[in-house]
């Protein structure tokens, strides 16, 4: 039924799509075929030309994928596709838990299959063309199957528990569901690198030598207890370099990509890790986790106001309200709120990046960090002159030029 909820959902989708395309347009306008003076010394002419070609290829592909996704969900809403799926799964089950499981399984699998050819093209055409892709066909398909299986292993029990709470706790649903998700989020933060990452990548302790000694010496200087330094086989999938810090408490670990070690000097790697340790020392990990938990609490409270709403179910093409349709409809309605909370998270994240950079700089590593960041950015063919509005809405990190300016003050 094309009621007021249907109109609001369509309006949100259209506005979100148009704003996204407008920001992409602004970002494209900032691109220049001529090497800007500000980038001289970072990019040379040939590397910059390659970066611009990479940027254009990704922009065009991004417009195609976003437009396709927008049209698919728009048509699905107009022709009551979600109500149709709801009707089909109800032929196989009656209890709310299996109905919800079947519904989200069908929607999730369909979404994965729709995205599959786009992911394939991005990996084996665009990334391959610019020398980044190291993924084999076998690895690609194994990743796809592992992701589906992991989603089922984690998602099915979690969804069953949430639906059970909804069916049995009434007004306390949102509070209890929030508690469950919060515990799960904290648990995942602690054990993600230890339990989930090994399903896709091999992590090995960094061998004794100059690099490990340099890292341990810095950690001692910074008063950071470092029990685990791991090397991950990032080159298994991409030539791009990275490093990250994960875990909480005694479960914390530093992870270096093998591609990072291949590109940076020992001092530059220590500087990059000093930045990551800075996040921990400044309690950024806990801050962002707390922000995420507060957001999820607000989200569950608002969700509880929309569940079992007949009008919302009818807007999705069904006659009978249900938990799964309520969640789906609320997800579409929540997009503007999510947009705002995402901007706030990005603002906090960019501030934290500056602070982590400053932490590394206070140990005399500013120049090494600058050189390391330049190498990582150039190796990844990063766009160093994005539009300021695009940065504001989409970037969780400041641009390289912004970070260099702060580090060299």
Protein backbone atom coordinates (compact mmCIF):
# COMPACT_ATOMS: atom_id res chain seq x y z
CA UNK A 1 0.00 0.00 0.00
CA UNK A 2 1.36 3.40 -0.98
CA UNK A 3 0.75 5.08 2.40
CA UNK A 4 2.62 7.85 4.20
CA UNK A 5 5.39 5.49 5.35
CA UNK A 6 5.93 4.45 1.75
CA UNK A 7 6.23 8.10 0.65
CA UNK A 8 8.69 8.90 3.46
CA UNK A 9 10.86 5.86 2.67
CA UNK A 10 10.97 6.71 -1.05
CA UNK A 11 11.80 10.34 -0.25
CA UNK A 12 14.66 9.27 2.04
CA UNK A 13 16.07 6.91 -0.60
CA UNK A 14 15.89 9.53 -3.35
CA UNK A 15 17.44 12.27 -1.19
CA UNK A 16 20.21 9.96 -0.03
CA UNK A 17 21.00 8.98 -3.62
CA UNK A 18 20.96 12.55 -4.92
CA UNK A 19 23.13 13.89 -2.09
CA UNK A 20 25.60 11.06 -2.69
CA UNK A 21 25.78 11.81 -6.41
CA UNK A 22 26.18 15.54 -5.77
CA UNK A 23 29.10 14.90 -3.40
CA UNK A 24 30.69 12.59 -5.97
CA UNK A 25 30.28 15.33 -8.60
CA UNK A 26 32.00 17.89 -6.36
CA UNK A 27 34.81 15.43 -5.74
CA UNK A 28 35.28 14.79 -9.46
CA UNK A 29 35.46 18.55 -10.08
CA UNK A 30 38.49 18.72 -7.78
CA UNK A 31 40.41 16.28 -9.94
CA UNK A 32 43.01 17.82 -12.24
CA UNK A 33 44.92 16.17 -15.11
CA UNK A 34 47.86 18.47 -14.30
CA UNK A 35 49.98 17.69 -11.24
CA UNK A 36 49.09 20.38 -8.66
CA UNK A 37 52.01 22.24 -7.14
CA UNK A 38 50.97 21.09 -3.67
CA UNK A 39 51.55 17.47 -4.67
CA UNK A 40 54.99 17.95 -6.20
CA UNK A 41 57.47 16.02 -4.11
CA UNK A 42 54.76 13.48 -3.23
CA UNK A 43 53.65 12.35 -6.68
CA UNK A 44 55.76 12.53 -9.82
CA UNK A 45 54.12 13.12 -13.21
CA UNK A 46 53.78 9.45 -14.15
CA UNK A 47 52.51 8.32 -10.75
CA UNK A 48 50.02 11.20 -10.64
CA UNK A 49 48.69 10.34 -14.09
CA UNK A 50 48.18 6.75 -12.95
CA UNK A 51 46.46 7.98 -9.79
CA UNK A 52 44.06 10.13 -11.81
CA UNK A 53 43.21 7.22 -14.09
CA UNK A 54 42.59 5.04 -11.03
CA UNK A 55 40.41 7.74 -9.48
CA UNK A 56 38.33 8.12 -12.66
CA UNK A 57 37.90 4.35 -13.01
CA UNK A 58 36.69 4.03 -9.42
CA UNK A 59 34.42 7.05 -9.70
CA UNK A 60 32.69 5.73 -12.81
CA UNK A 61 32.33 2.30 -11.27
CA UNK A 62 31.01 3.84 -8.06
CA UNK A 63 28.33 5.76 -9.96
CA UNK A 64 27.30 2.56 -11.75
CA UNK A 65 27.08 0.45 -8.58
CA UNK A 66 25.30 3.08 -6.49
CA UNK A 67 22.77 3.77 -9.27
CA UNK A 68 22.12 0.07 -9.75
CA UNK A 69 21.62 -0.50 -6.02
CA UNK A 70 19.31 2.50 -5.79
CA UNK A 71 17.15 1.28 -8.69
CA UNK A 72 16.96 -2.28 -7.36
CA UNK A 73 15.69 -1.26 -3.93
CA UNK A 74 13.41 1.41 -5.43
CA UNK A 75 11.76 -1.09 -7.77
CA UNK A 76 11.54 -3.66 -4.99
CA UNK A 77 9.62 -1.16 -2.87
CA UNK A 78 7.36 0.05 -5.69
CA UNK A 79 6.40 -3.49 -6.69
CA UNK A 80 6.10 -4.76 -3.09
CA UNK A 81 9.04 -7.13 -3.39
CA UNK A 82 9.61 -7.36 0.37
CA UNK A 83 5.98 -8.27 0.93
CA UNK A 84 6.30 -10.91 -1.78
CA UNK A 85 9.34 -12.48 -0.03
CA UNK A 86 7.46 -12.34 3.27
CA UNK A 87 4.55 -14.23 1.71
CA UNK A 88 6.85 -16.92 0.31
CA UNK A 89 8.72 -17.63 3.55
CA UNK A 90 5.42 -17.85 5.46
CA UNK A 91 4.55 -20.85 3.30
CA UNK A 92 7.42 -22.73 4.95
CA UNK A 93 7.12 -21.59 8.57
CA UNK A 94 4.69 -19.99 11.00
CA UNK A 95 6.67 -19.27 14.16
CA UNK A 96 8.22 -15.75 14.19
CA UNK A 97 11.79 -17.01 14.67
CA UNK A 98 12.07 -19.31 11.62
CA UNK A 99 10.05 -16.83 9.53
CA UNK A 100 12.52 -14.06 10.40
CA UNK A 101 15.48 -16.36 9.73
CA UNK A 102 14.16 -17.38 6.31
CA UNK A 103 13.27 -13.81 5.38
CA UNK A 104 16.68 -12.36 6.18
CA UNK A 105 18.41 -15.40 4.66
CA UNK A 106 16.62 -14.84 1.34
CA UNK A 107 17.24 -11.07 1.36
CA UNK A 108 20.86 -11.47 2.45
CA UNK A 109 21.67 -14.18 -0.09
CA UNK A 110 19.98 -12.23 -2.90
CA UNK A 111 21.97 -9.13 -1.97
CA UNK A 112 25.24 -11.10 -1.94
CA UNK A 113 24.54 -12.60 -5.35
CA UNK A 114 23.61 -9.21 -6.81
CA UNK A 115 26.82 -7.65 -5.48
CA UNK A 116 28.98 -10.58 -6.57
CA UNK A 117 29.59 -9.56 -10.22
CA UNK A 118 30.41 -6.00 -9.15
CA UNK A 119 32.90 -7.26 -6.56
CA UNK A 120 34.42 -9.54 -9.19
CA UNK A 121 34.80 -6.66 -11.65
CA UNK A 122 36.32 -4.39 -9.02
CA UNK A 123 38.83 -7.07 -7.99
CA UNK A 124 39.79 -8.65 -11.30
CA UNK A 125 39.40 -5.69 -13.65
CA UNK A 126 39.98 -2.36 -11.89
CA UNK A 127 42.36 -3.49 -9.15
CA UNK A 128 44.08 -5.85 -11.60
CA UNK A 129 44.54 -3.10 -14.20
CA UNK A 130 46.35 -0.84 -11.73
CA UNK A 131 48.54 -3.56 -10.26
CA UNK A 132 46.87 -3.93 -6.86
CA UNK A 133 45.08 -7.24 -7.10
CA UNK A 134 46.87 -10.32 -5.79
CA UNK A 135 43.70 -12.34 -5.19
CA UNK A 136 43.43 -15.61 -7.06
CA UNK A 137 40.10 -16.93 -8.34
CA UNK A 138 40.27 -19.67 -5.72
CA UNK A 139 40.81 -17.18 -2.89
CA UNK A 140 37.98 -15.00 -4.17
CA UNK A 141 35.45 -17.85 -4.10
CA UNK A 142 36.70 -19.15 -0.76
CA UNK A 143 36.32 -15.66 0.72
CA UNK A 144 32.79 -15.47 -0.64
CA UNK A 145 31.78 -18.84 0.80
CA UNK A 146 33.52 -18.20 4.13
CA UNK A 147 31.74 -14.85 4.46
CA UNK A 148 28.37 -16.47 3.88
CA UNK A 149 29.13 -19.25 6.37
CA UNK A 150 30.48 -16.83 8.97
CA UNK A 151 27.40 -14.65 8.58
CA UNK A 152 25.20 -17.68 9.19
CA UNK A 153 27.20 -18.97 12.17
CA UNK A 154 27.16 -15.58 13.90
CA UNK A 155 23.94 -14.12 12.57
CA UNK A 156 21.53 -17.03 13.05
CA UNK A 157 21.97 -17.47 16.84
CA UNK A 158 22.06 -13.71 17.37
CA UNK A 159 18.89 -13.14 15.35
CA UNK A 160 17.11 -16.02 17.08
CA UNK A 161 17.94 -14.53 20.47
CA UNK A 162 16.83 -11.02 19.48
CA UNK A 163 13.51 -12.27 18.06
CA UNK A 164 12.95 -14.43 21.15
CA UNK A 165 13.55 -11.39 23.39
CA UNK A 166 11.07 -9.40 21.29
CA UNK A 167 8.41 -12.10 21.54
CA UNK A 168 8.78 -12.60 25.30
CA UNK A 169 9.79 -9.36 27.01
CA UNK A 170 7.40 -6.69 25.77
CA UNK A 171 8.37 -3.15 26.76
CA UNK A 172 11.83 -4.26 27.90
CA UNK A 173 12.77 -5.59 24.46
CA UNK A 174 14.91 -2.65 23.37
CA UNK A 175 16.90 -2.59 26.61
CA UNK A 176 17.61 -6.33 26.66
CA UNK A 177 18.38 -6.45 22.93
CA UNK A 178 20.75 -3.52 23.36
CA UNK A 179 22.48 -5.40 26.18
CA UNK A 180 22.93 -8.48 24.01
CA UNK A 181 24.35 -6.50 21.08
CA UNK A 182 26.61 -4.50 23.41
CA UNK A 183 28.09 -7.66 24.94
CA UNK A 184 28.55 -9.12 21.47
CA UNK A 185 30.24 -5.93 20.21
CA UNK A 186 32.68 -5.85 23.12
CA UNK A 187 33.43 -9.55 22.72
CA UNK A 188 34.03 -9.09 18.99
CA UNK A 189 36.34 -6.13 19.63
CA UNK A 190 38.44 -8.30 21.92
CA UNK A 191 38.64 -11.43 19.80
CA UNK A 192 38.14 -10.31 16.18
CA UNK A 193 41.81 -10.40 15.26
CA UNK A 194 42.34 -13.67 17.15
CA UNK A 195 39.32 -15.62 15.91
CA UNK A 196 37.88 -14.02 12.77
CA UNK A 197 40.93 -12.75 10.88
CA UNK A 198 42.65 -16.20 10.80
CA UNK A 199 39.71 -17.51 8.76
CA UNK A 200 40.84 -15.28 5.90
CA UNK A 201 44.49 -14.43 6.54
CA UNK A 202 47.53 -16.02 8.11
CA UNK A 203 48.98 -14.15 11.07
CA UNK A 204 52.45 -15.03 12.31
CA UNK A 205 54.49 -13.50 15.16
CA UNK A 206 57.01 -10.98 13.88
CA UNK A 207 60.43 -12.62 13.85
CA UNK A 208 63.27 -11.41 16.03
CA UNK A 209 65.47 -8.87 14.33
CA UNK A 210 66.03 -5.17 13.75
CA UNK A 211 62.37 -4.31 13.19
CA UNK A 212 61.02 -6.17 16.21
CA UNK A 213 63.77 -4.72 18.41
CA UNK A 214 62.97 -1.19 17.20
CA UNK A 215 59.24 -1.67 17.83
CA UNK A 216 59.77 -3.13 21.30
CA UNK A 217 62.21 -0.34 22.20
CA UNK A 218 59.66 2.29 21.22
CA UNK A 219 56.85 0.52 23.09
CA UNK A 220 59.03 0.52 26.22
CA UNK A 221 59.77 4.24 25.78
CA UNK A 222 56.06 4.98 25.37
CA UNK A 223 55.05 2.89 28.39
CA UNK A 224 53.03 0.55 26.22
CA UNK A 225 52.92 -3.12 27.17
CA UNK A 226 53.35 -4.96 23.90
CA UNK A 227 52.87 -8.72 24.05
CA UNK A 228 51.83 -9.43 20.48
CA UNK A 229 53.28 -8.19 17.19
CA UNK A 230 51.91 -10.09 14.21
CA UNK A 231 52.65 -10.10 10.51
CA UNK A 232 49.64 -10.64 8.25
CA UNK A 233 49.80 -11.86 4.65
CA UNK A 234 48.02 -8.87 3.14
CA UNK A 235 49.86 -9.46 -0.14
CA UNK A 236 47.63 -12.51 -0.55
CA UNK A 237 44.91 -10.15 -1.79
CA UNK A 238 46.32 -6.69 -2.44
CA UNK A 239 49.55 -4.77 -2.93
CA UNK A 240 48.27 -1.96 -0.68
CA UNK A 241 50.02 -1.49 2.67
CA UNK A 242 48.46 -1.15 6.10
CA UNK A 243 48.89 -1.67 9.84
CA UNK A 244 46.37 -1.69 12.64
CA UNK A 245 45.88 -2.10 16.35
CA UNK A 246 43.10 -4.32 17.65
CA UNK A 247 41.70 -5.77 20.83
CA UNK A 248 41.06 -4.55 24.35
CA UNK A 249 43.02 -5.05 27.56
CA UNK A 250 45.37 -8.02 27.46
CA UNK A 251 43.87 -9.10 24.12
CA UNK A 252 45.37 -6.12 22.33
CA UNK A 253 47.74 -6.80 19.43
CA UNK A 254 49.62 -4.89 16.75
CA UNK A 255 49.28 -6.24 13.22
CA UNK A 256 51.60 -5.33 10.34
CA UNK A 257 50.84 -6.08 6.71
CA UNK A 258 53.72 -7.77 4.90
CA UNK A 259 53.26 -5.15 2.16
CA UNK A 260 53.99 -2.42 4.71
CA UNK A 261 57.32 -4.00 5.63
CA UNK A 262 58.22 -4.25 1.96
CA UNK A 263 57.60 -0.53 1.33
CA UNK A 264 58.73 1.33 4.46
CA UNK A 265 62.01 1.67 6.33
CA UNK A 266 62.33 0.44 9.93
CA UNK A 267 62.00 3.96 11.34
CA UNK A 268 58.95 4.67 9.18
CA UNK A 269 57.26 1.46 10.34
CA UNK A 270 57.97 2.36 13.97
CA UNK A 271 56.45 5.80 13.32
CA UNK A 272 53.31 4.25 11.83
CA UNK A 273 53.02 1.92 14.81
CA UNK A 274 53.62 4.83 17.18
CA UNK A 275 50.53 6.40 15.62
CA UNK A 276 48.55 3.19 16.29
CA UNK A 277 49.83 3.01 19.85
CA UNK A 278 48.80 6.65 20.21
CA UNK A 279 45.20 5.60 19.60
CA UNK A 280 45.44 3.19 22.53
CA UNK A 281 47.21 5.62 24.86
CA UNK A 282 44.62 8.30 24.10
CA UNK A 283 41.82 5.76 24.68
CA UNK A 284 40.41 6.32 21.20
CA UNK A 285 39.41 2.66 20.84
CA UNK A 286 37.30 2.80 24.00
CA UNK A 287 35.88 6.18 22.99
CA UNK A 288 34.67 4.95 19.61
CA UNK A 289 33.34 1.72 21.14
CA UNK A 290 31.39 3.73 23.73
CA UNK A 291 30.01 6.00 20.99
CA UNK A 292 28.94 2.95 19.00
CA UNK A 293 27.19 1.41 22.02
CA UNK A 294 25.30 4.63 22.76
CA UNK A 295 24.20 4.83 19.13
CA UNK A 296 22.98 1.25 19.15
CA UNK A 297 21.02 1.93 22.36
CA UNK A 298 19.26 4.90 20.75
CA UNK A 299 18.64 2.82 17.63
CA UNK A 300 17.05 -0.07 19.57
CA UNK A 301 14.83 2.32 21.51
CA UNK A 302 13.59 3.95 18.32
CA UNK A 303 13.19 0.53 16.69
CA UNK A 304 10.90 -0.56 19.52
CA UNK A 305 8.53 2.29 18.58
CA UNK A 306 8.15 1.03 15.00
CA UNK A 307 7.85 -2.72 15.48
CA UNK A 308 4.42 -4.29 14.97
CA UNK A 309 3.31 -1.25 12.96
CA UNK A 310 0.64 -2.21 10.41
CA UNK A 311 1.20 0.87 8.24
CA UNK A 312 4.93 0.19 8.00
CA UNK A 313 4.32 -3.42 7.02
CA UNK A 314 1.84 -2.32 4.36
CA UNK A 315 4.34 0.21 2.99
CA UNK A 316 6.63 -2.77 2.35
CA UNK A 317 3.86 -4.67 0.58
CA UNK A 318 2.67 -6.97 3.39
CA UNK A 319 -0.63 -7.07 5.22
CA UNK A 320 0.61 -8.54 8.50
CA UNK A 321 3.19 -6.72 10.66
CA UNK A 322 6.14 -8.77 11.85
CA UNK A 323 9.49 -8.37 13.55
CA UNK A 324 11.52 -8.79 10.37
CA UNK A 325 9.46 -6.33 8.34
CA UNK A 326 9.59 -3.86 11.22
CA UNK A 327 13.39 -4.10 11.34
CA UNK A 328 13.68 -3.70 7.57
CA UNK A 329 11.29 -0.74 7.41
CA UNK A 330 12.92 0.94 10.38
CA UNK A 331 16.34 0.48 8.76
CA UNK A 332 15.13 2.44 5.74
CA UNK A 333 13.56 5.16 7.89
CA UNK A 334 16.62 5.38 10.14
CA UNK A 335 18.95 6.31 7.25
CA UNK A 336 18.89 10.11 7.96
CA UNK A 337 19.73 9.52 11.63
CA UNK A 338 22.47 7.08 10.64
CA UNK A 339 23.78 9.70 8.21
CA UNK A 340 24.11 12.26 11.01
CA UNK A 341 25.65 9.84 13.52
CA UNK A 342 28.08 8.73 10.82
CA UNK A 343 29.19 12.34 10.30
CA UNK A 344 29.72 12.78 14.04
CA UNK A 345 31.73 9.55 14.16
CA UNK A 346 33.89 10.75 11.26
CA UNK A 347 34.51 14.10 12.98
CA UNK A 348 35.61 12.28 16.14
CA UNK A 349 37.75 9.88 14.12
CA UNK A 350 39.55 12.66 12.24
CA UNK A 351 40.26 14.43 15.53
CA UNK A 352 41.63 11.19 16.94
CA UNK A 353 43.91 10.74 13.92
CA UNK A 354 45.48 14.15 14.55
CA UNK A 355 46.01 13.25 18.20
CA UNK A 356 47.62 9.91 17.30
CA UNK A 357 49.90 11.70 14.84
CA UNK A 358 50.86 14.18 17.57
CA UNK A 359 51.62 11.28 19.91
CA UNK A 360 54.12 9.86 17.40
CA UNK A 361 55.58 13.34 16.82
CA UNK A 362 56.30 13.89 20.51
CA UNK A 363 58.77 10.99 20.33
CA UNK A 364 60.65 12.62 17.46
CA UNK A 365 58.98 10.54 14.76
CA UNK A 366 57.15 13.29 12.86
CA UNK A 367 59.43 13.22 9.81
CA UNK A 368 59.45 9.41 9.64
CA UNK A 369 55.67 9.36 9.94
CA UNK A 370 55.35 11.93 7.16
CA UNK A 371 57.55 9.87 4.85
CA UNK A 372 55.72 6.67 5.73
CA UNK A 373 52.31 8.22 5.10
CA UNK A 374 53.49 9.59 1.75
CA UNK A 375 54.72 6.17 0.63
CA UNK A 376 51.50 4.43 1.73
CA UNK A 377 49.34 7.03 -0.03
CA UNK A 378 51.30 7.03 -3.27
CA UNK A 379 51.49 3.22 -3.32
CA UNK A 380 47.69 3.08 -2.94
CA UNK A 381 47.20 5.82 -5.59
CA UNK A 382 45.19 7.79 -3.04
CA UNK A 383 43.32 10.93 -4.07
CA UNK A 384 45.12 13.67 -2.15
CA UNK A 385 42.94 16.59 -3.27
CA UNK A 386 39.34 15.59 -2.51
CA UNK A 387 36.62 18.21 -2.16
CA UNK A 388 36.33 19.51 1.44
CA UNK A 389 32.63 18.63 1.62
CA UNK A 390 33.34 15.11 0.41
CA UNK A 391 35.97 14.82 3.15
CA UNK A 392 33.54 16.13 5.76
CA UNK A 393 30.84 13.60 4.91
CA UNK A 394 32.90 10.55 3.97
CA UNK A 395 36.45 10.60 5.37
CA UNK A 396 37.21 8.96 8.71
CA UNK A 397 40.82 10.21 8.36
CA UNK A 398 42.10 13.69 7.49
CA UNK A 399 43.64 13.94 4.04
CA UNK A 400 47.37 13.32 3.73
CA UNK A 401 48.03 17.02 3.06
CA UNK A 402 46.12 17.99 6.22
CA UNK A 403 48.09 15.51 8.29
CA UNK A 404 51.42 16.61 6.83
CA UNK A 405 50.56 20.25 7.57
CA UNK A 406 49.89 19.43 11.23
CA UNK A 407 53.00 17.27 11.58
CA UNK A 408 55.33 19.87 10.08
CA UNK A 409 54.12 22.86 12.11
